[in-house]
Protein backbone atom coordinates (compact mmCIF):
# COMPACT_ATOMS: atom_id res chain seq x y z
CA UNK A 1 29.71 4.27 1.08
CA UNK A 2 29.63 4.22 5.10
CA UNK A 3 27.81 1.45 6.58
CA UNK A 4 24.37 2.15 7.31
CA UNK A 5 20.59 1.09 7.48
CA UNK A 6 19.60 3.79 5.05
CA UNK A 7 20.64 4.13 1.62
CA UNK A 8 20.60 7.68 -0.21
CA UNK A 9 19.61 7.56 -3.85
CA UNK A 10 21.53 10.51 -4.59
CA UNK A 11 24.87 9.14 -2.81
CA UNK A 12 23.82 5.27 -4.69
CA UNK A 13 23.88 7.08 -8.16
CA UNK A 14 27.19 5.85 -10.00
CA UNK A 15 27.91 3.29 -7.23
CA UNK A 16 29.55 -0.23 -9.05
CA UNK A 17 27.47 -3.16 -9.20
CA UNK A 18 29.29 -6.65 -8.86
CA UNK A 19 28.05 -10.13 -9.37
CA UNK A 20 28.87 -12.90 -6.60
CA UNK A 21 32.13 -13.70 -8.45
CA UNK A 22 33.32 -10.13 -8.22
CA UNK A 23 32.43 -9.14 -11.93
CA UNK A 24 31.45 -5.90 -12.78
CA UNK A 25 28.13 -5.69 -13.90
CA UNK A 26 27.55 -1.81 -14.39
CA UNK A 27 26.65 1.16 -12.19
CA UNK A 28 23.68 2.26 -10.29
CA UNK A 29 21.67 4.65 -12.45
CA UNK A 30 18.28 5.19 -10.43
CA UNK A 31 15.94 3.61 -8.03
CA UNK A 32 12.66 2.23 -8.40
CA UNK A 33 9.60 2.58 -6.03
CA UNK A 34 5.94 1.39 -6.27
CA UNK A 35 3.68 3.80 -4.22
CA UNK A 36 1.03 1.61 -2.24
CA UNK A 37 -2.24 3.19 -1.38
CA UNK A 38 -1.37 2.73 2.27
CA UNK A 39 2.09 2.78 4.26
CA UNK A 40 5.52 3.42 2.94
CA UNK A 41 6.45 3.16 -0.67
CA UNK A 42 8.07 -0.14 -2.03
CA UNK A 43 11.63 0.23 -3.20
CA UNK A 44 11.21 -2.64 -5.85
CA UNK A 45 14.83 -2.67 -7.96
CA UNK A 46 17.57 -0.56 -9.29
CA UNK A 47 18.06 0.77 -12.75
CA UNK A 48 21.73 -0.30 -13.61
CA UNK A 49 23.42 1.18 -16.42
CA UNK A 50 25.66 -1.70 -18.42
CA UNK A 51 27.84 -1.64 -20.85
CA UNK A 52 26.83 0.27 -24.01
CA UNK A 53 24.87 2.67 -21.61
CA UNK A 54 22.14 0.13 -21.48
CA UNK A 55 19.98 0.37 -18.61
CA UNK A 56 18.54 -2.85 -17.29
CA UNK A 57 16.35 -3.67 -14.32
CA UNK A 58 17.83 -5.18 -11.35
CA UNK A 59 15.37 -6.42 -8.53
CA UNK A 60 16.20 -5.50 -5.04
CA UNK A 61 15.41 -9.08 -3.81
CA UNK A 62 18.47 -9.85 -5.85
CA UNK A 63 20.61 -7.65 -4.02
CA UNK A 64 22.79 -9.06 -1.00
CA UNK A 65 24.61 -6.06 -0.05
CA UNK A 66 24.97 -2.17 -0.23
CA UNK A 67 27.76 -1.41 1.56
CA UNK A 68 31.40 -0.66 1.17
CA UNK A 69 30.78 1.60 -2.28
CA UNK A 70 29.38 -1.25 -4.10
CA UNK A 71 26.51 -3.31 -4.60
CA UNK A 72 26.48 -7.01 -4.39
CA UNK A 73 23.95 -9.30 -6.59
CA UNK A 74 23.03 -12.82 -5.88
CA UNK A 75 23.30 -13.67 -9.34
CA UNK A 76 23.02 -12.94 -13.29
CA UNK A 77 21.50 -9.55 -14.31
CA UNK A 78 18.88 -9.64 -17.29
CA UNK A 79 20.09 -7.40 -19.81
CA UNK A 80 16.49 -6.73 -21.23
CA UNK A 81 16.46 -3.17 -21.47
CA UNK A 82 14.55 -1.50 -18.66
CA UNK A 83 11.08 0.06 -19.48
CA UNK A 84 9.31 1.90 -16.59
CA UNK A 85 5.78 0.08 -15.65
CA UNK A 86 2.70 1.92 -14.69
CA UNK A 87 2.78 2.78 -10.80
CA UNK A 88 6.34 2.83 -10.70
CA UNK A 89 8.46 6.10 -9.75
CA UNK A 90 12.08 6.65 -10.62
CA UNK A 91 13.56 8.42 -7.10
CA UNK A 92 16.27 10.69 -9.05
CA UNK A 93 14.50 11.38 -12.11
CA UNK A 94 11.03 11.97 -10.93
CA UNK A 95 11.09 12.46 -6.67
CA UNK A 96 13.79 14.82 -6.67
CA UNK A 97 12.55 18.50 -6.28
CA UNK A 98 9.27 17.29 -5.64
CA UNK A 99 7.30 19.78 -3.18
CA UNK A 100 5.81 17.79 -0.13
CA UNK A 101 4.09 19.45 3.12
CA UNK A 102 5.39 18.56 6.45
CA UNK A 103 3.31 17.19 9.22
CA UNK A 104 1.69 18.37 11.58
CA UNK A 105 3.13 21.97 10.60
CA UNK A 106 2.16 21.67 6.92
CA UNK A 107 5.10 23.43 6.14
CA UNK A 108 6.28 23.47 2.26
CA UNK A 109 9.68 21.70 1.42
CA UNK A 110 11.59 20.49 -1.31
CA UNK A 111 12.81 16.86 -1.60
CA UNK A 112 16.61 16.86 -1.68
CA UNK A 113 17.43 13.24 -1.64
CA UNK A 114 14.99 9.87 -0.33
CA UNK A 115 16.45 6.90 1.46
CA UNK A 116 15.35 3.56 1.26
CA UNK A 117 15.82 0.82 4.12
CA UNK A 118 15.47 -2.72 4.45
CA UNK A 119 13.19 -4.23 6.13
CA UNK A 120 11.89 -7.94 6.89
CA UNK A 121 13.50 -10.42 4.71
CA UNK A 122 14.35 -8.63 1.20
CA UNK A 123 11.69 -6.25 1.43
CA UNK A 124 12.88 -2.57 0.90
CA UNK A 125 11.19 0.28 1.06
CA UNK A 126 11.18 4.40 0.98
CA UNK A 127 11.37 5.41 4.39
CA UNK A 128 13.06 8.88 4.47
CA UNK A 129 13.36 12.33 2.61
CA UNK A 130 16.34 14.55 3.25
CA UNK A 131 14.02 17.81 2.31
CA UNK A 132 14.82 21.58 2.42
CA UNK A 133 12.26 23.96 3.59
CA UNK A 134 11.27 27.58 1.72
CA UNK A 135 11.30 29.78 4.96
CA UNK A 136 11.17 29.04 8.96
CA UNK A 137 10.63 31.52 11.81
CA UNK A 138 14.02 33.36 11.37
CA UNK A 139 13.06 34.08 7.62
CA UNK A 140 15.47 31.79 5.75
CA UNK A 141 15.87 28.29 4.67
CA UNK A 142 16.68 24.70 6.50
CA UNK A 143 17.47 21.04 5.40
CA UNK A 144 16.29 18.48 7.82
CA UNK A 145 15.66 14.87 7.67
CA UNK A 146 11.95 13.59 7.90
CA UNK A 147 10.04 10.22 7.62
CA UNK A 148 7.81 9.70 4.62
CA UNK A 149 4.61 9.07 6.91
CA UNK A 150 5.75 12.29 8.37
CA UNK A 151 4.75 14.41 4.73
CA UNK A 152 2.35 14.60 2.65
CA UNK A 153 1.75 15.16 -1.30
CA UNK A 154 4.72 13.09 -2.17
CA UNK A 155 2.25 10.47 -3.81
CA UNK A 156 -0.35 12.91 -5.01
CA UNK A 157 -0.39 11.35 -8.74
CA UNK A 158 -1.85 7.96 -6.83
CA UNK A 159 -4.54 9.65 -5.31
CA UNK A 160 -5.53 12.38 -7.98
CA UNK A 161 -5.69 9.55 -10.59
CA UNK A 162 -9.20 8.76 -12.13
CA UNK A 163 -11.52 6.78 -10.04
CA UNK A 164 -11.41 3.93 -12.35
CA UNK A 165 -7.34 3.37 -12.10
CA UNK A 166 -7.85 3.88 -8.01
CA UNK A 167 -10.81 0.98 -8.01
CA UNK A 168 -8.21 -1.26 -10.14
CA UNK A 169 -5.95 -1.14 -7.30
CA UNK A 170 -8.62 -1.20 -4.36
CA UNK A 171 -10.28 -4.25 -6.13
CA UNK A 172 -7.13 -6.42 -4.82
CA UNK A 173 -7.36 -5.09 -1.41
CA UNK A 174 -9.43 -6.90 1.32
CA UNK A 175 -12.57 -4.57 2.42
CA UNK A 176 -10.91 -3.34 6.01
CA UNK A 177 -7.96 -2.20 3.98
CA UNK A 178 -10.03 -0.18 1.47
CA UNK A 179 -11.83 1.37 3.94
CA UNK A 180 -8.75 2.54 5.73
CA UNK A 181 -7.69 3.87 2.40
CA UNK A 182 -11.12 5.20 1.30
CA UNK A 183 -11.00 7.47 4.60
CA UNK A 184 -7.70 9.05 3.55
CA UNK A 185 -8.91 10.44 0.48
CA UNK A 186 -10.30 14.47 0.18
CA UNK A 187 -13.99 14.22 -0.13
CA UNK A 188 -14.46 15.05 -3.66
CA UNK A 189 -12.34 11.93 -4.52
CA UNK A 190 -14.31 9.57 -1.96
CA UNK A 191 -17.25 10.93 -3.84
CA UNK A 192 -16.32 10.10 -7.29
CA UNK A 193 -14.73 6.71 -5.75
CA UNK A 194 -18.32 5.58 -3.71
CA UNK A 195 -19.96 6.54 -7.24
CA UNK A 196 -18.13 4.46 -9.09
CA UNK A 197 -18.14 1.40 -7.07
CA UNK A 198 -20.38 -1.65 -7.42
CA UNK A 199 -23.46 -2.01 -5.13
CA UNK A 200 -21.26 -5.01 -3.61
CA UNK A 201 -18.39 -3.52 -3.34
CA UNK A 202 -19.46 0.16 -1.34
CA UNK A 203 -21.42 -2.26 0.94
CA UNK A 204 -18.58 -4.04 2.06
CA UNK A 205 -16.55 -0.73 2.63
CA UNK A 206 -19.60 0.85 4.52
CA UNK A 207 -19.45 -2.04 6.82
CA UNK A 208 -15.89 -1.45 7.87
CA UNK A 209 -16.32 2.11 8.36
CA UNK A 210 -17.12 4.10 11.75
CA UNK A 211 -21.17 5.17 11.70
CA UNK A 212 -20.09 8.75 10.89
CA UNK A 213 -18.36 7.93 8.20
CA UNK A 214 -20.87 5.80 6.64
CA UNK A 215 -23.75 8.67 6.85
CA UNK A 216 -21.13 10.56 4.96
CA UNK A 217 -20.44 8.26 2.24
CA UNK A 218 -24.52 7.33 1.95
CA UNK A 219 -24.97 11.55 1.47
CA UNK A 220 -22.62 11.21 -1.77
CA UNK A 221 -25.58 8.85 -3.38
CA UNK A 222 -29.02 9.64 -4.65
CA UNK A 223 -31.70 7.93 -2.43
CA UNK A 224 -32.31 5.03 -5.32
CA UNK A 225 -28.44 4.05 -5.09
CA UNK A 226 -28.51 4.66 -1.38
CA UNK A 227 -31.36 2.00 -0.93
CA UNK A 228 -29.77 -0.47 -3.16
CA UNK A 229 -26.53 -0.45 -1.31
CA UNK A 230 -28.50 -1.19 1.81
CA UNK A 231 -30.09 -3.80 0.36
CA UNK A 232 -27.25 -6.02 -0.35
CA UNK A 233 -25.80 -5.14 3.19
CA UNK A 234 -25.81 -7.31 6.17
CA UNK A 235 -29.07 -6.76 7.75
CA UNK A 236 -27.11 -5.94 11.17
CA UNK A 237 -24.86 -3.90 9.69
CA UNK A 238 -27.61 -2.17 7.73
CA UNK A 239 -29.79 -1.47 10.62
CA UNK A 240 -26.76 -0.15 12.21
CA UNK A 241 -26.81 2.38 10.25
CA UNK A 242 -30.30 3.08 9.26
CA UNK A 243 -30.74 4.12 13.28
CA UNK A 244 -27.98 6.81 12.54
CA UNK A 245 -29.77 8.78 9.97
CA UNK A 246 -32.51 11.27 10.45
CA UNK A 247 -35.83 9.55 11.15
CA UNK A 248 -37.55 10.82 7.62
CA UNK A 249 -34.74 10.04 5.68
CA UNK A 250 -34.50 6.39 6.96
CA UNK A 251 -38.08 5.87 6.56
CA UNK A 252 -37.98 7.22 2.73
CA UNK A 253 -34.85 4.63 2.10
CA UNK A 254 -36.69 1.94 4.10
CA UNK A 255 -39.58 2.19 1.20
CA UNK A 256 -37.40 2.40 -1.57
CA UNK A 257 -35.63 -1.20 -0.33
CA UNK A 258 -36.68 -4.47 -1.10
CA UNK A 259 -39.36 -5.25 1.16
CA UNK A 260 -37.77 -8.65 2.32
CA UNK A 261 -34.46 -6.42 3.37
CA UNK A 262 -36.43 -3.68 4.60
CA UNK A 263 -38.84 -6.00 7.22
CA UNK A 264 -35.65 -7.21 8.11
CA UNK A 265 -34.05 -4.05 9.12
CA UNK A 266 -37.10 -2.81 10.89
CA UNK A 267 -37.07 -5.92 12.93
CA UNK A 268 -33.71 -5.47 13.85
CA UNK A 269 -34.32 -1.74 14.94
CA UNK A 270 -37.21 -3.12 17.13
CA UNK A 271 -34.33 -4.22 19.76
CA UNK A 272 -31.55 -2.48 21.53
CA UNK A 273 -28.51 -2.20 19.87
CA UNK A 274 -26.30 -3.96 22.45
CA UNK A 275 -28.80 -6.78 23.23
CA UNK A 276 -28.73 -10.02 21.25
CA UNK A 277 -31.68 -9.01 19.07
CA UNK A 278 -29.85 -5.87 17.83
CA UNK A 279 -26.30 -7.47 17.30
CA UNK A 280 -27.72 -10.54 15.42
CA UNK A 281 -28.07 -11.17 11.71
CA UNK A 282 -31.28 -12.53 10.30
CA UNK A 283 -29.34 -14.64 7.66
CA UNK A 284 -26.92 -17.01 8.96
CA UNK A 285 -27.15 -20.34 7.13
CA UNK A 286 -30.41 -22.07 7.96
CA UNK A 287 -31.22 -25.48 6.70
CA UNK A 288 -34.00 -28.13 7.40
CA UNK A 289 -33.01 -31.49 9.14
CA UNK A 290 -33.47 -33.33 5.79
CA UNK A 291 -30.67 -31.31 4.26
CA UNK A 292 -27.51 -33.40 3.24
CA UNK A 293 -24.04 -32.78 4.19
CA UNK A 294 -23.02 -31.64 0.38
CA UNK A 295 -26.14 -28.98 0.59
CA UNK A 296 -24.81 -27.56 3.54
CA UNK A 297 -21.22 -27.43 2.65
CA UNK A 298 -22.65 -25.72 -0.74
CA UNK A 299 -24.25 -23.13 1.48
CA UNK A 300 -21.01 -22.60 3.43
CA UNK A 301 -19.06 -22.03 0.25
CA UNK A 302 -21.02 -18.93 -0.62
CA UNK A 303 -19.48 -15.86 -1.23
CA UNK A 304 -21.69 -13.66 1.22
CA UNK A 305 -21.47 -15.61 4.61
CA UNK A 306 -18.52 -14.66 6.77
CA UNK A 307 -16.36 -17.24 7.94
CA UNK A 308 -17.69 -16.96 11.45
CA UNK A 309 -21.12 -17.80 10.41
CA UNK A 310 -19.92 -20.27 7.61
CA UNK A 311 -18.37 -22.69 10.72
CA UNK A 312 -22.12 -23.32 11.97
CA UNK A 313 -25.70 -24.25 10.31
CA UNK A 314 -28.84 -23.74 12.03
CA UNK A 315 -31.39 -26.00 11.80
CA UNK A 316 -34.81 -25.36 12.15
CA UNK A 317 -38.54 -27.14 11.02
CA UNK A 318 -40.14 -25.15 8.14
CA UNK A 319 -40.15 -21.80 7.13
CA UNK A 320 -36.35 -21.52 6.73
CA UNK A 321 -36.45 -17.60 6.73
CA UNK A 322 -36.14 -15.85 10.33
CA UNK A 323 -38.30 -16.39 12.16
CA UNK A 324 -38.22 -19.95 11.42
CA UNK A 325 -40.15 -22.89 12.42
CA UNK A 326 -38.64 -24.34 15.87
CA UNK A 327 -34.99 -24.12 16.38
CA UNK A 328 -33.71 -27.81 16.38
CA UNK A 329 -29.95 -27.40 16.99
CA UNK A 330 -26.86 -26.86 14.94
CA UNK A 331 -24.58 -28.57 12.56
CA UNK A 332 -20.43 -27.77 12.95
CA UNK A 333 -18.57 -27.72 9.68
CA UNK A 334 -15.79 -29.79 11.23
CA UNK A 335 -18.55 -32.49 12.12
CA UNK A 336 -19.96 -31.99 8.20
CA UNK A 337 -16.44 -32.84 6.81
CA UNK A 338 -16.20 -36.05 8.39
CA UNK A 339 -19.51 -37.27 7.05
CA UNK A 340 -20.45 -38.77 3.56
CA UNK A 341 -21.97 -36.33 1.60
CA UNK A 342 -25.37 -37.85 1.16
CA UNK A 343 -26.04 -37.99 4.95
CA UNK A 344 -29.21 -35.84 6.36
CA UNK A 345 -27.87 -33.31 8.73
CA UNK A 346 -30.76 -34.16 10.80
CA UNK A 347 -29.00 -37.43 12.16
CA UNK A 348 -25.64 -35.58 13.32
CA UNK A 349 -27.48 -32.63 14.92
CA UNK A 350 -25.95 -30.95 18.35
CA UNK A 351 -28.92 -30.36 20.15
CA UNK A 352 -27.15 -29.78 23.50
CA UNK A 353 -26.31 -26.04 22.06
CA UNK A 354 -26.77 -22.69 24.22
CA UNK A 355 -28.68 -20.12 22.34
CA UNK A 356 -29.94 -16.77 23.91
CA UNK A 357 -33.09 -14.49 24.24
CA UNK A 358 -33.28 -11.39 21.67
CA UNK A 359 -33.40 -9.20 24.76
CA UNK A 360 -30.15 -10.83 26.43
CA UNK A 361 -27.35 -8.11 26.83
CA UNK A 362 -23.97 -8.31 25.09
CA UNK A 363 -22.67 -9.63 28.42
CA UNK A 364 -24.02 -12.76 28.14
CA UNK A 365 -23.83 -13.47 24.46
CA UNK A 366 -20.02 -12.77 24.89
CA UNK A 367 -19.67 -15.25 27.93
CA UNK A 368 -21.57 -18.06 26.20
CA UNK A 369 -19.62 -17.60 22.96
CA UNK A 370 -16.46 -17.93 25.19
CA UNK A 371 -17.50 -20.30 27.18
CA UNK A 372 -18.55 -23.06 24.73
CA UNK A 373 -15.97 -21.80 22.10
CA UNK A 374 -18.69 -20.66 19.91
CA UNK A 375 -17.99 -18.55 16.54
CA UNK A 376 -21.90 -17.59 16.40
CA UNK A 377 -25.11 -18.33 18.80
CA UNK A 378 -28.72 -18.73 18.27
CA UNK A 379 -31.15 -16.08 19.07
CA UNK A 380 -34.49 -17.78 19.97
CA UNK A 381 -37.82 -16.48 20.76
CA UNK A 382 -40.27 -17.60 23.46
CA UNK A 383 -41.97 -19.80 20.91
CA UNK A 384 -38.53 -21.55 20.04
CA UNK A 385 -38.47 -19.89 16.44
CA UNK A 386 -35.02 -19.04 15.40
CA UNK A 387 -34.57 -15.15 14.93
CA UNK A 388 -30.90 -14.84 13.86
CA UNK A 389 -27.86 -15.57 14.85
CA UNK A 390 -25.02 -12.95 16.44
CA UNK A 391 -21.68 -13.89 15.47
CA UNK A 392 -17.99 -13.28 17.33
CA UNK A 393 -17.43 -10.28 15.23
CA UNK A 394 -20.53 -8.63 15.66
CA UNK A 395 -19.71 -8.91 19.30
CA UNK A 396 -15.93 -7.21 18.75
CA UNK A 397 -17.72 -4.43 16.85
CA UNK A 398 -19.44 -3.26 20.07
CA UNK A 399 -16.85 -4.18 22.40
CA UNK A 400 -13.94 -2.50 21.41
CA UNK A 401 -13.79 1.33 21.64
CA UNK A 402 -15.91 3.38 19.06
CA UNK A 403 -12.61 4.60 17.31
CA UNK A 404 -10.90 1.56 17.00
CA UNK A 405 -11.29 1.38 13.05
CA UNK A 406 -9.17 4.73 12.89
CA UNK A 407 -6.32 3.56 15.00
CA UNK A 408 -2.82 4.24 13.28
CA UNK A 409 -1.83 0.60 12.86
CA UNK A 410 0.75 -0.41 9.92
CA UNK A 411 -1.38 -1.69 6.97
CA UNK A 412 0.53 -3.88 5.05
CA UNK A 413 -1.67 -3.85 1.76
CA UNK A 414 0.50 -4.58 -0.84
CA UNK A 415 -1.55 -4.00 -4.09
CA UNK A 416 1.06 -5.52 -6.78
CA UNK A 417 4.95 -5.94 -6.88
CA UNK A 418 6.41 -4.97 -10.30
CA UNK A 419 8.02 -7.86 -12.08
CA UNK A 420 10.41 -7.21 -14.54
CA UNK A 421 11.56 -10.39 -16.40
């Protein structure tokens, strides 16, 4: 086998496999790949035929070399019989002869061979296909090499599986990556998955989508369900979404929401979206000066608090729901970690801290965050009451181009790698 960065499965079949001391273990029968919801499929192992026509699994992480007409492993091969697991695909047995569409022409082609390629560390990926088209302009067939990313249809079985199965994989991913996958699904699959998601999961995904996609997803839901999802979204994100809806629909959904949540959104809608009042969340961590360090740290551990807001607590006189009593200062989490749990946070306040008015523009907010290395900044009204807080991520969302979420960056969202024991 010629030395190459690509290893074609059809040529690899039958290649002898040797252990480190040169003893022959068997020969390659097939290649096991694991399709992911985003990015190129992982090549996770080889099916090796050993004595007695027994087939076993050899993880590619144990392969040190595939060249010179042989495969070299790092150690002993587990001789437990290979059993294909859910989510795994055999390249030679299942991918060859599969029909794919070439991008952007949407020309139909048949997979003749597929190549794996070693990436960083010991990771291998299925990166390249050798395909045969049905016809071309002159009326005949042609053969060509294409990248997996330049085709569609190779993993249709993954995207066409039931919503519950797809959701099981999505739950292992971060909301931003779930949103990225969600955008690639056909409309009917988006609808099925959105309906099957919990309100909390769908709210997290909506917060990562662009405004047009948010409105589209909301149209999949009944008004009651849509109102429930808005209830659990961050108030600033929910307000941005409501602002994109037709006036009558927005009013109806606000009437269906929990009164306190709806009131927060109505308040945010009064401000320009690029002013501090329109950027802020009304639900940062707000504490009284007689709360203890232990209570403050417990509040920071809440799962619904973003990291940027968990790093800083806003201390006010009662009432402690915005708009609060007089804003007193902030308590930084690093300072809290250095104090005894029983210490009252009023005694360790940072009172020399900048804040902004609700009508201050995004430029003012950005400069203050950058100048004082803050993850969030208080928004205070003319009477000294805390209205909310603007976090770094709120500012970034508005400073980046509108289509930044759609950028074609590589997403390394590995869901699960098969472990054959």
